[in-house]
Amino acid sequence: MSLVPVARMDDIYRLGRFRGGILVFKHSTRCSISTAAHHRVTTWLSTRPEVEVGYLDVRSQRPLSNELAEAWSVEHQSPQLLWFREDGSVLHESHFGIDTRWIESLN
């Protein structure tokens, strides 16, 4: 599994690409819905060791979470999975919408 902790925006932009975009998972360690989403993401990653997903703990890294939301023009949510595409557009899903089907639909 390749959940890669990120501490700065530079860390995010250095992540490996998934289908031409950057994946970032925003997670709250105190939320049961976020825990369920975390489980779905890590289960999906367990069969894709080559994929890197940025991991951002919103409780300990709120300033970075806010900076990311502003830079990518998305409303902050947690849990949230973001896919920053090469053309600058961002697709994102949150809460129970984060699942294998959604991740696999990214093109």
PDB file of N, CA and C in Angstrom:
ATOM      1  N   MET A   1       0.845  -1.173   0.000  1.00  0.00           N
ATOM      2  CA  MET A   1       0.000   0.000   0.000  1.00  0.00           C
ATOM      3  C   MET A   1       0.885   1.229   0.000  1.00  0.00           C
ATOM      4  N   SER A   2       0.431   2.258  -0.668  1.00  0.00           N
ATOM      5  CA  SER A   2       1.254   3.454  -0.791  1.00  0.00           C
ATOM      6  C   SER A   2       0.497   4.722  -0.400  1.00  0.00           C
ATOM      7  N   LEU A   3       0.091   4.811   0.853  1.00  0.00           N
ATOM      8  CA  LEU A   3      -0.413   6.079   1.385  1.00  0.00           C
ATOM      9  C   LEU A   3       0.822   6.846   1.822  1.00  0.00           C
ATOM     10  N   VAL A   4       1.033   7.997   1.214  1.00  0.00           N
ATOM     11  CA  VAL A   4       2.246   8.772   1.454  1.00  0.00           C
ATOM     12  C   VAL A   4       1.896  10.021   2.253  1.00  0.00           C
ATOM     13  N   PRO A   5       2.345  10.124   3.498  1.00  0.00           N
ATOM     14  CA  PRO A   5       2.065  11.331   4.274  1.00  0.00           C
ATOM     15  C   PRO A   5       2.620  12.569   3.574  1.00  0.00           C
ATOM     16  N   VAL A   6       1.827  13.626   3.561  1.00  0.00           N
ATOM     17  CA  VAL A   6       2.266  14.895   2.973  1.00  0.00           C
ATOM     18  C   VAL A   6       2.214  15.970   4.047  1.00  0.00           C
ATOM     19  N   ALA A   7       3.194  16.862   4.001  1.00  0.00           N
ATOM     20  CA  ALA A   7       3.278  17.932   4.991  1.00  0.00           C
ATOM     21  C   ALA A   7       3.219  19.317   4.354  1.00  0.00           C
ATOM     22  N   ARG A   8       3.462  19.365   3.025  1.00  0.00           N
ATOM     23  CA  ARG A   8       3.471  20.642   2.295  1.00  0.00           C
ATOM     24  C   ARG A   8       2.905  20.407   0.898  1.00  0.00           C
ATOM     25  N   MET A   9       2.501  21.473   0.249  1.00  0.00           N
ATOM     26  CA  MET A   9       1.997  21.366  -1.116  1.00  0.00           C
ATOM     27  C   MET A   9       3.058  20.764  -2.026  1.00  0.00           C
ATOM     28  N   ASP A  10       4.338  21.097  -1.798  1.00  0.00           N
ATOM     29  CA  ASP A  10       5.408  20.522  -2.617  1.00  0.00           C
ATOM     30  C   ASP A  10       5.398  18.994  -2.556  1.00  0.00           C
ATOM     31  N   ASP A  11       5.105  18.444  -1.380  1.00  0.00           N
ATOM     32  CA  ASP A  11       5.045  16.990  -1.234  1.00  0.00           C
ATOM     33  C   ASP A  11       3.957  16.405  -2.134  1.00  0.00           C
ATOM     34  N   ILE A  12       2.859  17.102  -2.224  1.00  0.00           N
ATOM     35  CA  ILE A  12       1.733  16.623  -3.037  1.00  0.00           C
ATOM     36  C   ILE A  12       2.127  16.572  -4.504  1.00  0.00           C
ATOM     37  N   TYR A  13       2.763  17.618  -4.984  1.00  0.00           N
ATOM     38  CA  TYR A  13       3.123  17.678  -6.399  1.00  0.00           C
ATOM     39  C   TYR A  13       4.247  16.715  -6.778  1.00  0.00           C
ATOM     40  N   ARG A  14       4.913  16.124  -5.789  1.00  0.00           N
ATOM     41  CA  ARG A  14       5.961  15.140  -6.059  1.00  0.00           C
ATOM     42  C   ARG A  14       5.431  13.702  -6.076  1.00  0.00           C
ATOM     43  N   LEU A  15       4.164  13.530  -5.766  1.00  0.00           N
ATOM     44  CA  LEU A  15       3.590  12.185  -5.758  1.00  0.00           C
ATOM     45  C   LEU A  15       3.566  11.601  -7.171  1.00  0.00           C
ATOM     46  N   GLY A  16       3.624  10.281  -7.237  1.00  0.00           N
ATOM     47  CA  GLY A  16       3.471   9.600  -8.515  1.00  0.00           C
ATOM     48  C   GLY A  16       2.077   9.833  -9.069  1.00  0.00           C
ATOM     49  N   ARG A  17       1.950   9.688 -10.360  1.00  0.00           N
ATOM     50  CA  ARG A  17       0.678   9.936 -11.039  1.00  0.00           C
ATOM     51  C   ARG A  17      -0.155   8.664 -11.136  1.00  0.00           C
ATOM     52  N   PHE A  18      -1.456   8.840 -10.988  1.00  0.00           N
ATOM     53  CA  PHE A  18      -2.416   7.773 -11.215  1.00  0.00           C
ATOM     54  C   PHE A  18      -3.300   8.222 -12.370  1.00  0.00           C
ATOM     55  N   ARG A  19      -3.167   7.535 -13.490  1.00  0.00           N
ATOM     56  CA  ARG A  19      -3.933   7.879 -14.692  1.00  0.00           C
ATOM     57  C   ARG A  19      -3.807   9.357 -15.054  1.00  0.00           C
ATOM     58  N   GLY A  20      -2.606   9.876 -14.904  1.00  0.00           N
ATOM     59  CA  GLY A  20      -2.331  11.251 -15.294  1.00  0.00           C
ATOM     60  C   GLY A  20      -2.682  12.298 -14.259  1.00  0.00           C
ATOM     61  N   GLY A  21      -3.077  11.889 -13.066  1.00  0.00           N
ATOM     62  CA  GLY A  21      -3.425  12.852 -12.025  1.00  0.00           C
ATOM     63  C   GLY A  21      -2.807  12.491 -10.687  1.00  0.00           C
ATOM     64  N   ILE A  22      -2.984  13.373  -9.737  1.00  0.00           N
ATOM     65  CA  ILE A  22      -2.466  13.179  -8.382  1.00  0.00           C
ATOM     66  C   ILE A  22      -3.646  12.877  -7.465  1.00  0.00           C
ATOM     67  N   LEU A  23      -3.549  11.797  -6.708  1.00  0.00           N
ATOM     68  CA  LEU A  23      -4.573  11.428  -5.740  1.00  0.00           C
ATOM     69  C   LEU A  23      -4.162  11.869  -4.335  1.00  0.00           C
ATOM     70  N   VAL A  24      -5.096  12.493  -3.620  1.00  0.00           N
ATOM     71  CA  VAL A  24      -4.869  12.887  -2.230  1.00  0.00           C
ATOM     72  C   VAL A  24      -6.084  12.470  -1.408  1.00  0.00           C
ATOM     73  N   PHE A  25      -5.832  11.792  -0.303  1.00  0.00           N
ATOM     74  CA  PHE A  25      -6.887  11.379   0.615  1.00  0.00           C
ATOM     75  C   PHE A  25      -6.799  12.220   1.878  1.00  0.00           C
ATOM     76  N   LYS A  26      -7.870  12.952   2.171  1.00  0.00           N
ATOM     77  CA  LYS A  26      -7.946  13.757   3.393  1.00  0.00           C
ATOM     78  C   LYS A  26      -8.769  12.969   4.412  1.00  0.00           C
ATOM     79  N   HIS A  27      -8.208  12.809   5.598  1.00  0.00           N
ATOM     80  CA  HIS A  27      -8.756  11.894   6.596  1.00  0.00           C
ATOM     81  C   HIS A  27      -8.779  12.546   7.974  1.00  0.00           C
ATOM     82  N   SER A  28      -9.861  12.303   8.693  1.00  0.00           N
ATOM     83  CA  SER A  28      -9.936  12.722  10.091  1.00  0.00           C
ATOM     84  C   SER A  28      -9.870  11.480  10.963  1.00  0.00           C
ATOM     85  N   THR A  29      -8.898  11.445  11.850  1.00  0.00           N
ATOM     86  CA  THR A  29      -8.700  10.276  12.708  1.00  0.00           C
ATOM     87  C   THR A  29      -9.776  10.138  13.778  1.00  0.00           C
ATOM     88  N   ARG A  30     -10.648  11.116  13.905  1.00  0.00           N
ATOM     89  CA  ARG A  30     -11.700  11.069  14.940  1.00  0.00           C
ATOM     90  C   ARG A  30     -13.090  10.845  14.363  1.00  0.00           C
ATOM     91  N   CYS A  31     -13.176  10.447  13.112  1.00  0.00           N
ATOM     92  CA  CYS A  31     -14.475  10.318  12.457  1.00  0.00           C
ATOM     93  C   CYS A  31     -14.666   8.886  11.964  1.00  0.00           C
ATOM     94  N   SER A  32     -15.760   8.259  12.360  1.00  0.00           N
ATOM     95  CA  SER A  32     -15.997   6.868  11.959  1.00  0.00           C
ATOM     96  C   SER A  32     -16.243   6.748  10.454  1.00  0.00           C
ATOM     97  N   ILE A  33     -16.864   7.729   9.835  1.00  0.00           N
ATOM     98  CA  ILE A  33     -17.063   7.693   8.384  1.00  0.00           C
ATOM     99  C   ILE A  33     -15.710   7.781   7.686  1.00  0.00           C
ATOM    100  N   SER A  34     -14.838   8.634   8.196  1.00  0.00           N
ATOM    101  CA  SER A  34     -13.501   8.757   7.635  1.00  0.00           C
ATOM    102  C   SER A  34     -12.715   7.456   7.810  1.00  0.00           C
ATOM    103  N   THR A  35     -12.898   6.801   8.932  1.00  0.00           N
ATOM    104  CA  THR A  35     -12.237   5.511   9.162  1.00  0.00           C
ATOM    105  C   THR A  35     -12.709   4.487   8.137  1.00  0.00           C
ATOM    106  N   ALA A  36     -13.997   4.475   7.837  1.00  0.00           N
ATOM    107  CA  ALA A  36     -14.530   3.557   6.829  1.00  0.00           C
ATOM    108  C   ALA A  36     -13.965   3.879   5.447  1.00  0.00           C
ATOM    109  N   ALA A  37     -13.884   5.158   5.106  1.00  0.00           N
ATOM    110  CA  ALA A  37     -13.313   5.563   3.815  1.00  0.00           C
ATOM    111  C   ALA A  37     -11.832   5.193   3.754  1.00  0.00           C
ATOM    112  N   HIS A  38     -11.119   5.395   4.842  1.00  0.00           N
ATOM    113  CA  HIS A  38      -9.697   5.020   4.921  1.00  0.00           C
ATOM    114  C   HIS A  38      -9.538   3.536   4.622  1.00  0.00           C
ATOM    115  N   HIS A  39     -10.400   2.730   5.201  1.00  0.00           N
ATOM    116  CA  HIS A  39     -10.349   1.289   4.976  1.00  0.00           C
ATOM    117  C   HIS A  39     -10.575   0.964   3.494  1.00  0.00           C
ATOM    118  N   ARG A  40     -11.547   1.622   2.862  1.00  0.00           N
ATOM    119  CA  ARG A  40     -11.813   1.367   1.443  1.00  0.00           C
ATOM    120  C   ARG A  40     -10.618   1.767   0.576  1.00  0.00           C
ATOM    121  N   VAL A  41     -10.005   2.906   0.882  1.00  0.00           N
ATOM    122  CA  VAL A  41      -8.840   3.361   0.106  1.00  0.00           C
ATOM    123  C   VAL A  41      -7.673   2.398   0.298  1.00  0.00           C
ATOM    124  N   THR A  42      -7.390   2.007   1.527  1.00  0.00           N
ATOM    125  CA  THR A  42      -6.240   1.119   1.761  1.00  0.00           C
ATOM    126  C   THR A  42      -6.494  -0.273   1.184  1.00  0.00           C
ATOM    127  N   THR A  43      -7.731  -0.727   1.198  1.00  0.00           N
ATOM    128  CA  THR A  43      -8.049  -2.014   0.582  1.00  0.00           C
ATOM    129  C   THR A  43      -7.808  -1.950  -0.918  1.00  0.00           C
ATOM    130  N   TRP A  44      -8.249  -0.877  -1.558  1.00  0.00           N
ATOM    131  CA  TRP A  44      -8.013  -0.682  -2.991  1.00  0.00           C
ATOM    132  C   TRP A  44      -6.509  -0.625  -3.272  1.00  0.00           C
ATOM    133  N   LEU A  45      -5.774   0.110  -2.447  1.00  0.00           N
ATOM    134  CA  LEU A  45      -4.325   0.241  -2.634  1.00  0.00           C
ATOM    135  C   LEU A  45      -3.571  -1.072  -2.411  1.00  0.00           C
ATOM    136  N   SER A  46      -4.098  -1.954  -1.610  1.00  0.00           N
ATOM    137  CA  SER A  46      -3.384  -3.190  -1.277  1.00  0.00           C
ATOM    138  C   SER A  46      -3.086  -4.040  -2.506  1.00  0.00           C
ATOM    139  N   THR A  47      -3.840  -3.867  -3.566  1.00  0.00           N
ATOM    140  CA  THR A  47      -3.585  -4.623  -4.799  1.00  0.00           C
ATOM    141  C   THR A  47      -2.918  -3.758  -5.867  1.00  0.00           C
ATOM    142  N   ARG A  48      -2.535  -2.547  -5.498  1.00  0.00           N
ATOM    143  CA  ARG A  48      -1.889  -1.612  -6.428  1.00  0.00           C
ATOM    144  C   ARG A  48      -0.670  -0.959  -5.770  1.00  0.00           C
ATOM    145  N   PRO A  49       0.367  -1.733  -5.500  1.00  0.00           N
ATOM    146  CA  PRO A  49       1.526  -1.195  -4.779  1.00  0.00           C
ATOM    147  C   PRO A  49       2.255  -0.085  -5.522  1.00  0.00           C
ATOM    148  N   GLU A  50       2.025   0.038  -6.812  1.00  0.00           N
ATOM    149  CA  GLU A  50       2.702   1.075  -7.596  1.00  0.00           C
ATOM    150  C   GLU A  50       2.023   2.441  -7.476  1.00  0.00           C
ATOM    151  N   VAL A  51       0.825   2.488  -6.938  1.00  0.00           N
ATOM    152  CA  VAL A  51       0.066   3.737  -6.845  1.00  0.00           C
ATOM    153  C   VAL A  51       0.401   4.463  -5.545  1.00  0.00           C
ATOM    154  N   GLU A  52       0.656   5.766  -5.661  1.00  0.00           N
ATOM    155  CA  GLU A  52       0.866   6.616  -4.489  1.00  0.00           C
ATOM    156  C   GLU A  52      -0.355   7.507  -4.295  1.00  0.00           C
ATOM    157  N   VAL A  53      -0.828   7.550  -3.077  1.00  0.00           N
ATOM    158  CA  VAL A  53      -1.927   8.438  -2.705  1.00  0.00           C
ATOM    159  C   VAL A  53      -1.425   9.301  -1.556  1.00  0.00           C
ATOM    160  N   GLY A  54      -1.476  10.606  -1.738  1.00  0.00           N
ATOM    161  CA  GLY A  54      -1.097  11.505  -0.661  1.00  0.00           C
ATOM    162  C   GLY A  54      -2.063  11.359   0.499  1.00  0.00           C
ATOM    163  N   TYR A  55      -1.533  11.341   1.701  1.00  0.00           N
ATOM    164  CA  TYR A  55      -2.343  11.189   2.912  1.00  0.00           C
ATOM    165  C   TYR A  55      -2.222  12.452   3.757  1.00  0.00           C
ATOM    166  N   LEU A  56      -3.368  13.066   4.034  1.00  0.00           N
ATOM    167  CA  LEU A  56      -3.388  14.297   4.800  1.00  0.00           C
ATOM    168  C   LEU A  56      -4.330  14.121   5.989  1.00  0.00           C
ATOM    169  N   ASP A  57      -3.791  14.162   7.195  1.00  0.00           N
ATOM    170  CA  ASP A  57      -4.584  14.094   8.427  1.00  0.00           C
ATOM    171  C   ASP A  57      -5.104  15.509   8.705  1.00  0.00           C
ATOM    172  N   VAL A  58      -6.400  15.721   8.494  1.00  0.00           N
ATOM    173  CA  VAL A  58      -6.942  17.084   8.604  1.00  0.00           C
ATOM    174  C   VAL A  58      -6.922  17.620  10.026  1.00  0.00           C
ATOM    175  N   ARG A  59      -6.858  16.753  11.012  1.00  0.00           N
ATOM    176  CA  ARG A  59      -6.822  17.232  12.399  1.00  0.00           C
ATOM    177  C   ARG A  59      -5.458  17.857  12.713  1.00  0.00           C
ATOM    178  N   SER A  60      -4.396  17.226  12.284  1.00  0.00           N
ATOM    179  CA  SER A  60      -3.070  17.744  12.613  1.00  0.00           C
ATOM    180  C   SER A  60      -2.514  18.680  11.537  1.00  0.00           C
ATOM    181  N   GLN A  61      -3.145  18.687  10.370  1.00  0.00           N
ATOM    182  CA  GLN A  61      -2.635  19.497   9.262  1.00  0.00           C
ATOM    183  C   GLN A  61      -3.732  20.371   8.646  1.00  0.00           C
ATOM    184  N   ARG A  62      -4.509  20.992   9.494  1.00  0.00           N
ATOM    185  CA  ARG A  62      -5.607  21.824   9.011  1.00  0.00           C
ATOM    186  C   ARG A  62      -5.132  22.945   8.079  1.00  0.00           C
ATOM    187  N   PRO A  63      -4.020  23.655   8.378  1.00  0.00           N
ATOM    188  CA  PRO A  63      -3.580  24.701   7.447  1.00  0.00           C
ATOM    189  C   PRO A  63      -3.293  24.156   6.041  1.00  0.00           C
ATOM    190  N   LEU A  64      -2.663  22.987   5.956  1.00  0.00           N
ATOM    191  CA  LEU A  64      -2.401  22.397   4.645  1.00  0.00           C
ATOM    192  C   LEU A  64      -3.705  21.985   3.970  1.00  0.00           C
ATOM    193  N   SER A  65      -4.624  21.442   4.725  1.00  0.00           N
ATOM    194  CA  SER A  65      -5.920  21.066   4.169  1.00  0.00           C
ATOM    195  C   SER A  65      -6.634  22.286   3.583  1.00  0.00           C
ATOM    196  N   ASN A  66      -6.596  23.385   4.301  1.00  0.00           N
ATOM    197  CA  ASN A  66      -7.212  24.625   3.804  1.00  0.00           C
ATOM    198  C   ASN A  66      -6.481  25.155   2.573  1.00  0.00           C
ATOM    199  N   GLU A  67      -5.147  25.089   2.592  1.00  0.00           N
ATOM    200  CA  GLU A  67      -4.357  25.548   1.449  1.00  0.00           C
ATOM    201  C   GLU A  67      -4.682  24.710   0.210  1.00  0.00           C
ATOM    202  N   LEU A  68      -4.796  23.406   0.393  1.00  0.00           N
ATOM    203  CA  LEU A  68      -5.136  22.521  -0.719  1.00  0.00           C
ATOM    204  C   LEU A  68      -6.525  22.830  -1.272  1.00  0.00           C
ATOM    205  N   ALA A  69      -7.489  23.031  -0.382  1.00  0.00           N
ATOM    206  CA  ALA A  69      -8.843  23.362  -0.821  1.00  0.00           C
ATOM    207  C   ALA A  69      -8.852  24.650  -1.643  1.00  0.00           C
ATOM    208  N   GLU A  70      -8.099  25.633  -1.210  1.00  0.00           N
ATOM    209  CA  GLU A  70      -8.037  26.904  -1.936  1.00  0.00           C
ATOM    210  C   GLU A  70      -7.291  26.756  -3.263  1.00  0.00           C
ATOM    211  N   ALA A  71      -6.138  26.089  -3.240  1.00  0.00           N
ATOM    212  CA  ALA A  71      -5.330  25.942  -4.454  1.00  0.00           C
ATOM    213  C   ALA A  71      -6.068  25.144  -5.530  1.00  0.00           C
ATOM    214  N   TRP A  72      -6.829  24.145  -5.122  1.00  0.00           N
ATOM    215  CA  TRP A  72      -7.514  23.288  -6.085  1.00  0.00           C
ATOM    216  C   TRP A  72      -8.989  23.659  -6.254  1.00  0.00           C
ATOM    217  N   SER A  73      -9.420  24.750  -5.606  1.00  0.00           N
ATOM    218  CA  SER A  73     -10.788  25.271  -5.735  1.00  0.00           C
ATOM    219  C   SER A  73     -11.859  24.224  -5.422  1.00  0.00           C
ATOM    220  N   VAL A  74     -11.686  23.557  -4.289  1.00  0.00           N
ATOM    221  CA  VAL A  74     -12.681  22.587  -3.830  1.00  0.00           C
ATOM    222  C   VAL A  74     -13.073  22.930  -2.401  1.00  0.00           C
ATOM    223  N   GLU A  75     -14.292  22.630  -2.065  1.00  0.00           N
ATOM    224  CA  GLU A  75     -14.756  22.829  -0.696  1.00  0.00           C
ATOM    225  C   GLU A  75     -14.131  21.753   0.190  1.00  0.00           C
ATOM    226  N   HIS A  76     -13.628  22.166   1.348  1.00  0.00           N
ATOM    227  CA  HIS A  76     -13.033  21.205   2.285  1.00  0.00           C
ATOM    228  C   HIS A  76     -14.109  20.255   2.783  1.00  0.00           C
ATOM    229  N   GLN A  77     -13.790  18.976   2.743  1.00  0.00           N
ATOM    230  CA  GLN A  77     -14.614  17.953   3.365  1.00  0.00           C
ATOM    231  C   GLN A  77     -13.678  16.904   3.936  1.00  0.00           C
ATOM    232  N   SER A  78     -14.190  16.125   4.840  1.00  0.00           N
ATOM    233  CA  SER A  78     -13.415  15.038   5.402  1.00  0.00           C
ATOM    234  C   SER A  78     -14.378  13.929   5.810  1.00  0.00           C
ATOM    235  N   PRO A  79     -14.121  12.738   5.310  1.00  0.00           N
ATOM    236  CA  PRO A  79     -13.050  12.345   4.412  1.00  0.00           C
ATOM    237  C   PRO A  79     -13.304  12.857   2.998  1.00  0.00           C
ATOM    238  N   GLN A  80     -12.226  12.953   2.263  1.00  0.00           N
ATOM    239  CA  GLN A  80     -12.326  13.426   0.889  1.00  0.00           C
ATOM    240  C   GLN A  80     -11.166  12.836   0.089  1.00  0.00           C
ATOM    241  N   LEU A  81     -11.491  12.385  -1.117  1.00  0.00           N
ATOM    242  CA  LEU A  81     -10.470  11.905  -2.041  1.00  0.00           C
ATOM    243  C   LEU A  81     -10.488  12.822  -3.247  1.00  0.00           C
ATOM    244  N   LEU A  82      -9.321  13.401  -3.549  1.00  0.00           N
ATOM    245  CA  LEU A  82      -9.200  14.359  -4.642  1.00  0.00           C
ATOM    246  C   LEU A  82      -8.284  13.800  -5.719  1.00  0.00           C
ATOM    247  N   TRP A  83      -8.632  14.086  -6.960  1.00  0.00           N
ATOM    248  CA  TRP A  83      -7.803  13.699  -8.101  1.00  0.00           C
ATOM    249  C   TRP A  83      -7.534  14.946  -8.915  1.00  0.00           C
ATOM    250  N   PHE A  84      -6.313  15.452  -8.829  1.00  0.00           N
ATOM    251  CA  PHE A  84      -5.888  16.669  -9.524  1.00  0.00           C
ATOM    252  C   PHE A  84      -5.338  16.254 -10.878  1.00  0.00           C
ATOM    253  N   ARG A  85      -6.051  16.652 -11.939  1.00  0.00           N
ATOM    254  CA  ARG A  85      -5.695  16.239 -13.289  1.00  0.00           C
ATOM    255  C   ARG A  85      -4.661  17.178 -13.905  1.00  0.00           C
ATOM    256  N   GLU A  86      -3.960  16.675 -14.917  1.00  0.00           N
ATOM    257  CA  GLU A  86      -2.916  17.454 -15.581  1.00  0.00           C
ATOM    258  C   GLU A  86      -3.440  18.761 -16.167  1.00  0.00           C
ATOM    259  N   ASP A  87      -4.718  18.804 -16.546  1.00  0.00           N
ATOM    260  CA  ASP A  87      -5.281  20.033 -17.125  1.00  0.00           C
ATOM    261  C   ASP A  87      -5.693  21.040 -16.050  1.00  0.00           C
ATOM    262  N   GLY A  88      -5.443  20.714 -14.780  1.00  0.00           N
ATOM    263  CA  GLY A  88      -5.750  21.622 -13.676  1.00  0.00           C
ATOM    264  C   GLY A  88      -7.120  21.420 -13.065  1.00  0.00           C
ATOM    265  N   SER A  89      -7.944  20.578 -13.674  1.00  0.00           N
ATOM    266  CA  SER A  89      -9.263  20.312 -13.100  1.00  0.00           C
ATOM    267  C   SER A  89      -9.129  19.301 -11.958  1.00  0.00           C
ATOM    268  N   VAL A  90     -10.113  19.293 -11.085  1.00  0.00           N
ATOM    269  CA  VAL A  90     -10.090  18.405  -9.924  1.00  0.00           C
ATOM    270  C   VAL A  90     -11.418  17.668  -9.829  1.00  0.00           C
ATOM    271  N   LEU A  91     -11.339  16.370  -9.701  1.00  0.00           N
ATOM    272  CA  LEU A  91     -12.505  15.560  -9.381  1.00  0.00           C
ATOM    273  C   LEU A  91     -12.353  15.163  -7.921  1.00  0.00           C
ATOM    274  N   HIS A  92     -13.454  15.128  -7.213  1.00  0.00           N
ATOM    275  CA  HIS A  92     -13.365  14.753  -5.803  1.00  0.00           C
ATOM    276  C   HIS A  92     -14.638  14.071  -5.360  1.00  0.00           C
ATOM    277  N   GLU A  93     -14.475  13.272  -4.345  1.00  0.00           N
ATOM    278  CA  GLU A  93     -15.595  12.564  -3.739  1.00  0.00           C
ATOM    279  C   GLU A  93     -15.375  12.592  -2.236  1.00  0.00           C
ATOM    280  N   SER A  94     -16.455  12.477  -1.498  1.00  0.00           N
ATOM    281  CA  SER A  94     -16.316  12.502  -0.046  1.00  0.00           C
ATOM    282  C   SER A  94     -17.231  11.470   0.603  1.00  0.00           C
ATOM    283  N   HIS A  95     -16.985  11.263   1.864  1.00  0.00           N
ATOM    284  CA  HIS A  95     -17.765  10.384   2.717  1.00  0.00           C
ATOM    285  C   HIS A  95     -17.958   9.006   2.084  1.00  0.00           C
ATOM    286  N   PHE A  96     -19.193   8.500   2.031  1.00  0.00           N
ATOM    287  CA  PHE A  96     -19.424   7.147   1.535  1.00  0.00           C
ATOM    288  C   PHE A  96     -19.323   7.038   0.017  1.00  0.00           C
ATOM    289  N   GLY A  97     -19.142   8.158  -0.669  1.00  0.00           N
ATOM    290  CA  GLY A  97     -18.906   8.123  -2.116  1.00  0.00           C
ATOM    291  C   GLY A  97     -17.508   7.668  -2.468  1.00  0.00           C
ATOM    292  N   ILE A  98     -16.631   7.627  -1.477  1.00  0.00           N
ATOM    293  CA  ILE A  98     -15.256   7.162  -1.700  1.00  0.00           C
ATOM    294  C   ILE A  98     -15.287   5.639  -1.702  1.00  0.00           C
ATOM    295  N   ASP A  99     -15.171   5.069  -2.888  1.00  0.00           N
ATOM    296  CA  ASP A  99     -15.160   3.613  -2.999  1.00  0.00           C
ATOM    297  C   ASP A  99     -14.383   3.195  -4.243  1.00  0.00           C
ATOM    298  N   THR A 100     -14.156   1.911  -4.366  1.00  0.00           N
ATOM    299  CA  THR A 100     -13.384   1.368  -5.483  1.00  0.00           C
ATOM    300  C   THR A 100     -13.986   1.757  -6.817  1.00  0.00           C
ATOM    301  N   ARG A 101     -15.289   1.705  -6.931  1.00  0.00           N
ATOM    302  CA  ARG A 101     -15.952   2.026  -8.197  1.00  0.00           C
ATOM    303  C   ARG A 101     -15.631   3.451  -8.613  1.00  0.00           C
ATOM    304  N   TRP A 102     -15.681   4.400  -7.672  1.00  0.00           N
ATOM    305  CA  TRP A 102     -15.390   5.798  -8.011  1.00  0.00           C
ATOM    306  C   TRP A 102     -13.918   5.957  -8.421  1.00  0.00           C
ATOM    307  N   ILE A 103     -13.019   5.363  -7.661  1.00  0.00           N
ATOM    308  CA  ILE A 103     -11.593   5.476  -7.983  1.00  0.00           C
ATOM    309  C   ILE A 103     -11.312   4.893  -9.371  1.00  0.00           C
ATOM    310  N   GLU A 104     -11.855   3.728  -9.647  1.00  0.00           N
ATOM    311  CA  GLU A 104     -11.625   3.073 -10.929  1.00  0.00           C
ATOM    312  C   GLU A 104     -12.269   3.827 -12.091  1.00  0.00           C
ATOM    313  N   SER A 105     -13.228   4.700 -11.814  1.00  0.00           N
ATOM    314  CA  SER A 105     -13.883   5.459 -12.885  1.00  0.00           C
ATOM    315  C   SER A 105     -13.039   6.653 -13.335  1.00  0.00           C
ATOM    316  N   LEU A 106     -11.992   6.988 -12.610  1.00  0.00           N
ATOM    317  CA  LEU A 106     -11.173   8.154 -12.961  1.00  0.00           C
ATOM    318  C   LEU A 106     -10.432   7.922 -14.277  1.00  0.00           C
ATOM    319  N   ASN A 107     -10.600   8.853 -15.183  1.00  0.00           N
ATOM    320  CA  ASN A 107      -9.940   8.773 -16.501  1.00  0.00           C
ATOM    321  C   ASN A 107      -9.488  10.141 -16.923  1.00  0.00           C
TER     322      ASN A 107
END
